[in-house]
Amino acid sequence: MTTWEPGIFVMHGMVYEHQGRAYRARYGHTALEGYPPDKTPDLFDPISPKAVGSSHT
């Protein structure tokens, strides 16, 4: 799992970790400072730890 950080390219469908939680990207985009996954529900879906590595949430 890739750690979310500003400046990375976020790929659609990939799982990213931010502050100990996992999020699946809804769209490809460049991560911007001040817009982490927990603050941008239009861009990321939080997923349960059991769903990490699965193609379904």
Protein backbone atom coordinates (compact mmCIF):
# COMPACT_ATOMS: atom_id res chain seq x y z
CA MET A 1 0.00 0.00 0.00
CA THR A 2 1.33 3.42 -0.96
CA THR A 3 1.42 6.23 1.57
CA TRP A 4 -0.52 9.32 0.50
CA GLU A 5 1.59 12.48 0.40
CA PRO A 6 1.34 15.79 -1.47
CA GLY A 7 2.83 15.73 -4.94
CA ILE A 8 2.27 12.06 -5.75
CA PHE A 9 0.09 11.01 -8.67
CA VAL A 10 -2.92 9.17 -7.28
CA MET A 11 -4.09 6.39 -9.60
CA HIS A 12 -7.75 5.41 -9.98
CA GLY A 13 -8.61 2.30 -7.94
CA MET A 14 -5.33 2.16 -6.02
CA VAL A 15 -5.29 1.96 -2.22
CA TYR A 16 -3.43 4.63 -0.26
CA GLU A 17 -2.63 4.87 3.45
CA HIS A 18 -3.08 8.13 5.34
CA GLN A 19 -2.77 8.42 9.13
CA GLY A 20 -3.24 4.69 9.64
CA ARG A 21 -6.36 4.35 7.49
CA ALA A 22 -6.77 2.94 3.99
CA TYR A 23 -8.52 4.77 1.15
CA ARG A 24 -9.31 3.73 -2.43
CA ALA A 25 -8.92 6.47 -5.04
CA ARG A 26 -12.04 7.23 -7.07
CA TYR A 27 -10.15 9.21 -9.74
CA GLY A 28 -6.60 9.74 -10.91
CA HIS A 29 -5.22 13.10 -9.79
CA THR A 30 -2.18 14.82 -8.30
CA ALA A 31 -2.28 14.91 -4.50
CA LEU A 32 -2.29 18.47 -3.19
CA GLU A 33 -1.21 19.65 0.24
CA GLY A 34 -4.24 20.41 2.39
CA TYR A 35 -6.47 17.91 0.56
CA PRO A 36 -5.75 14.51 2.17
CA PRO A 37 -8.06 11.51 1.68
CA ASP A 38 -9.92 12.05 4.96
CA LYS A 39 -10.85 15.60 3.85
CA THR A 40 -11.80 14.79 0.24
CA PRO A 41 -14.59 12.18 0.17
CA ASP A 42 -15.31 13.02 -3.49
CA LEU A 43 -11.85 11.67 -4.39
CA PHE A 44 -11.41 8.76 -1.95
CA ASP A 45 -13.49 6.01 -0.38
CA PRO A 46 -12.38 4.82 3.08
CA ILE A 47 -12.03 1.06 3.14
CA SER A 48 -11.90 -1.45 5.96
CA PRO A 49 -8.63 -3.25 6.73
CA LYS A 50 -10.24 -6.51 5.53
CA ALA A 51 -10.80 -4.98 2.08
CA VAL A 52 -7.14 -4.04 1.54
CA GLY A 53 -5.84 -6.19 -1.28
CA SER A 54 -9.35 -6.98 -2.45
CA SER A 55 -10.94 -5.54 -5.56
CA HIS A 56 -14.21 -5.05 -3.68
CA THR A 57 -15.10 -2.85 -0.71
